[in-house]
Amino acid sequence: MSTSLGLTRPLLALARPRPQPQPVAAVPAGVRRISSQQLLEGSRELVIQHQGGEYHLRLTRNDKLILTK
């Protein structure tokens, strides 16, 4: 099979369906919501105390959040 572009076979990449974005789960009513900017208050790390342990919430150079114990 030949086309005006000189292709001898169809472009399979164009025939494949694109993956659809996953829907974001809805937050149940009454759940508290706070922005990361409010939580971090301009810093790049926050320590959260929970059941006697400490968890570190860090903002990476790529603006991703990481929570570690």
N, C-alpha and C. Protein backbone atom coordinates (compact mmCIF):
# COMPACT_ATOMS: atom_id res chain seq x y z
N MET A 1 0.85 -1.18 0.00
CA MET A 1 0.00 0.00 0.00
C MET A 1 0.88 1.23 0.00
N SER A 2 0.63 2.14 -0.89
CA SER A 2 1.45 3.34 -1.02
C SER A 2 0.55 4.55 -0.91
N THR A 3 1.07 5.59 -0.30
CA THR A 3 0.32 6.83 -0.16
C THR A 3 1.09 7.95 -0.82
N SER A 4 0.52 9.14 -0.85
CA SER A 4 1.20 10.27 -1.45
C SER A 4 2.44 10.66 -0.65
N LEU A 5 2.54 10.20 0.60
CA LEU A 5 3.72 10.49 1.40
C LEU A 5 4.82 9.47 1.18
N GLY A 6 4.58 8.47 0.35
CA GLY A 6 5.58 7.46 0.07
C GLY A 6 5.67 6.39 1.15
N LEU A 7 4.67 6.26 1.98
CA LEU A 7 4.67 5.26 3.04
C LEU A 7 4.20 3.93 2.47
N THR A 8 4.89 2.87 2.85
CA THR A 8 4.51 1.56 2.34
C THR A 8 3.61 0.80 3.29
N ARG A 9 3.43 1.28 4.51
CA ARG A 9 2.52 0.64 5.47
C ARG A 9 1.84 1.73 6.31
N PRO A 10 0.69 1.45 6.88
CA PRO A 10 -0.02 2.49 7.65
C PRO A 10 0.75 2.84 8.92
N LEU A 11 0.60 4.04 9.37
CA LEU A 11 1.21 4.48 10.62
C LEU A 11 0.37 3.97 11.78
N LEU A 12 0.88 2.95 12.46
CA LEU A 12 0.12 2.36 13.56
C LEU A 12 -0.03 3.31 14.74
N ALA A 13 0.94 4.18 14.94
CA ALA A 13 0.86 5.11 16.07
C ALA A 13 -0.35 6.03 15.94
N LEU A 14 -0.71 6.36 14.71
CA LEU A 14 -1.86 7.23 14.51
C LEU A 14 -3.17 6.48 14.70
N ALA A 15 -3.15 5.16 14.51
CA ALA A 15 -4.37 4.37 14.62
C ALA A 15 -4.68 3.98 16.07
N ARG A 16 -3.69 4.04 16.95
CA ARG A 16 -3.90 3.65 18.35
C ARG A 16 -4.67 4.72 19.10
N PRO A 17 -5.63 4.31 19.92
CA PRO A 17 -6.34 5.32 20.71
C PRO A 17 -5.43 5.90 21.79
N ARG A 18 -5.59 7.15 22.05
CA ARG A 18 -4.79 7.81 23.09
C ARG A 18 -5.33 7.42 24.47
N PRO A 19 -4.44 7.24 25.44
CA PRO A 19 -4.92 6.93 26.79
C PRO A 19 -5.71 8.10 27.36
N GLN A 20 -6.79 7.78 28.00
CA GLN A 20 -7.64 8.82 28.59
C GLN A 20 -7.15 9.15 29.99
N PRO A 21 -7.19 10.42 30.39
CA PRO A 21 -6.77 10.77 31.74
C PRO A 21 -7.68 10.12 32.78
N GLN A 22 -7.09 9.70 33.88
CA GLN A 22 -7.86 9.09 34.95
C GLN A 22 -8.66 10.17 35.68
N PRO A 23 -9.92 9.88 36.00
CA PRO A 23 -10.72 10.88 36.72
C PRO A 23 -10.16 11.07 38.13
N VAL A 24 -10.23 12.29 38.60
CA VAL A 24 -9.79 12.62 39.95
C VAL A 24 -10.90 12.24 40.91
N ALA A 25 -10.54 11.51 41.97
CA ALA A 25 -11.53 11.10 42.96
C ALA A 25 -12.10 12.34 43.66
N ALA A 26 -13.38 12.36 43.80
CA ALA A 26 -14.04 13.47 44.49
C ALA A 26 -13.75 13.39 45.98
N VAL A 27 -13.55 14.56 46.59
CA VAL A 27 -13.34 14.63 48.03
C VAL A 27 -14.70 14.63 48.71
N PRO A 28 -14.91 13.71 49.66
CA PRO A 28 -16.21 13.69 50.34
C PRO A 28 -16.50 15.01 51.06
N ALA A 29 -17.77 15.34 51.13
CA ALA A 29 -18.19 16.57 51.81
C ALA A 29 -17.74 16.53 53.26
N GLY A 30 -17.29 17.65 53.77
CA GLY A 30 -16.88 17.74 55.16
C GLY A 30 -15.41 17.45 55.39
N VAL A 31 -14.68 17.01 54.34
CA VAL A 31 -13.25 16.76 54.47
C VAL A 31 -12.51 18.09 54.36
N ARG A 32 -11.61 18.34 55.31
CA ARG A 32 -10.87 19.59 55.34
C ARG A 32 -9.88 19.64 54.17
N ARG A 33 -9.79 20.77 53.51
CA ARG A 33 -8.89 20.96 52.37
C ARG A 33 -8.01 22.18 52.66
N ILE A 34 -6.69 22.02 52.44
CA ILE A 34 -5.76 23.13 52.64
C ILE A 34 -4.72 23.09 51.53
N SER A 35 -4.31 24.24 51.03
CA SER A 35 -3.33 24.29 49.95
C SER A 35 -1.94 24.03 50.51
N SER A 36 -1.07 23.49 49.69
CA SER A 36 0.30 23.23 50.13
C SER A 36 1.02 24.54 50.48
N GLN A 37 0.68 25.63 49.80
CA GLN A 37 1.30 26.91 50.10
C GLN A 37 0.95 27.36 51.53
N GLN A 38 -0.30 27.16 51.92
CA GLN A 38 -0.70 27.52 53.28
C GLN A 38 -0.02 26.61 54.29
N LEU A 39 0.07 25.34 53.98
CA LEU A 39 0.65 24.37 54.89
C LEU A 39 2.15 24.62 55.10
N LEU A 40 2.87 24.86 54.03
CA LEU A 40 4.32 25.06 54.12
C LEU A 40 4.73 26.49 54.49
N GLU A 41 3.84 27.44 54.29
CA GLU A 41 4.07 28.84 54.64
C GLU A 41 5.41 29.37 54.12
N GLY A 42 5.73 29.08 52.86
CA GLY A 42 6.95 29.60 52.24
C GLY A 42 8.19 28.76 52.46
N SER A 43 8.14 27.78 53.34
CA SER A 43 9.31 26.92 53.54
C SER A 43 9.23 25.73 52.59
N ARG A 44 10.28 24.92 52.55
CA ARG A 44 10.32 23.77 51.66
C ARG A 44 10.14 22.46 52.42
N GLU A 45 10.03 22.55 53.75
CA GLU A 45 9.87 21.33 54.55
C GLU A 45 9.00 21.63 55.77
N LEU A 46 8.24 20.59 56.15
CA LEU A 46 7.35 20.68 57.31
C LEU A 46 7.44 19.37 58.06
N VAL A 47 7.53 19.44 59.38
CA VAL A 47 7.55 18.23 60.20
C VAL A 47 6.16 18.03 60.80
N ILE A 48 5.61 16.84 60.61
CA ILE A 48 4.29 16.50 61.14
C ILE A 48 4.49 15.46 62.23
N GLN A 49 3.98 15.74 63.42
CA GLN A 49 4.06 14.77 64.51
C GLN A 49 2.80 13.93 64.50
N HIS A 50 3.00 12.60 64.54
CA HIS A 50 1.87 11.67 64.52
C HIS A 50 2.20 10.43 65.33
N GLN A 51 1.43 10.18 66.36
CA GLN A 51 1.57 9.01 67.23
C GLN A 51 3.01 8.79 67.68
N GLY A 52 3.64 9.85 68.13
CA GLY A 52 4.99 9.76 68.66
C GLY A 52 6.08 9.77 67.61
N GLY A 53 5.75 9.75 66.35
CA GLY A 53 6.76 9.78 65.29
C GLY A 53 6.73 11.09 64.55
N GLU A 54 7.79 11.34 63.78
CA GLU A 54 7.86 12.54 62.97
C GLU A 54 7.88 12.18 61.49
N TYR A 55 7.10 12.88 60.72
CA TYR A 55 7.04 12.72 59.28
C TYR A 55 7.46 14.05 58.65
N HIS A 56 8.25 13.97 57.58
CA HIS A 56 8.74 15.16 56.91
C HIS A 56 8.03 15.31 55.57
N LEU A 57 7.38 16.43 55.40
CA LEU A 57 6.74 16.77 54.13
C LEU A 57 7.67 17.74 53.43
N ARG A 58 8.22 17.33 52.28
CA ARG A 58 9.19 18.15 51.56
C ARG A 58 8.68 18.53 50.18
N LEU A 59 9.03 19.74 49.79
CA LEU A 59 8.74 20.23 48.44
C LEU A 59 10.01 20.09 47.63
N THR A 60 9.97 19.31 46.55
CA THR A 60 11.17 19.07 45.75
C THR A 60 11.44 20.22 44.79
N ARG A 61 12.59 20.14 44.12
CA ARG A 61 12.95 21.15 43.11
C ARG A 61 11.97 21.16 41.96
N ASN A 62 11.30 20.02 41.73
CA ASN A 62 10.31 19.92 40.65
C ASN A 62 8.90 20.20 41.13
N ASP A 63 8.77 20.80 42.29
CA ASP A 63 7.48 21.17 42.88
C ASP A 63 6.57 19.96 43.12
N LYS A 64 7.17 18.85 43.53
CA LYS A 64 6.42 17.66 43.95
C LYS A 64 6.51 17.56 45.46
N LEU A 65 5.51 16.95 46.08
CA LEU A 65 5.52 16.75 47.53
C LEU A 65 5.93 15.32 47.85
N ILE A 66 6.83 15.18 48.84
CA ILE A 66 7.27 13.87 49.30
C ILE A 66 7.09 13.83 50.81
N LEU A 67 6.43 12.75 51.29
CA LEU A 67 6.25 12.55 52.72
C LEU A 67 7.08 11.34 53.14
N THR A 68 8.01 11.56 54.08
CA THR A 68 8.86 10.48 54.57
C THR A 68 8.80 10.44 56.09
N LYS A 69 9.13 9.26 56.63
CA LYS A 69 9.13 9.12 58.08
C LYS A 69 10.52 9.33 58.58
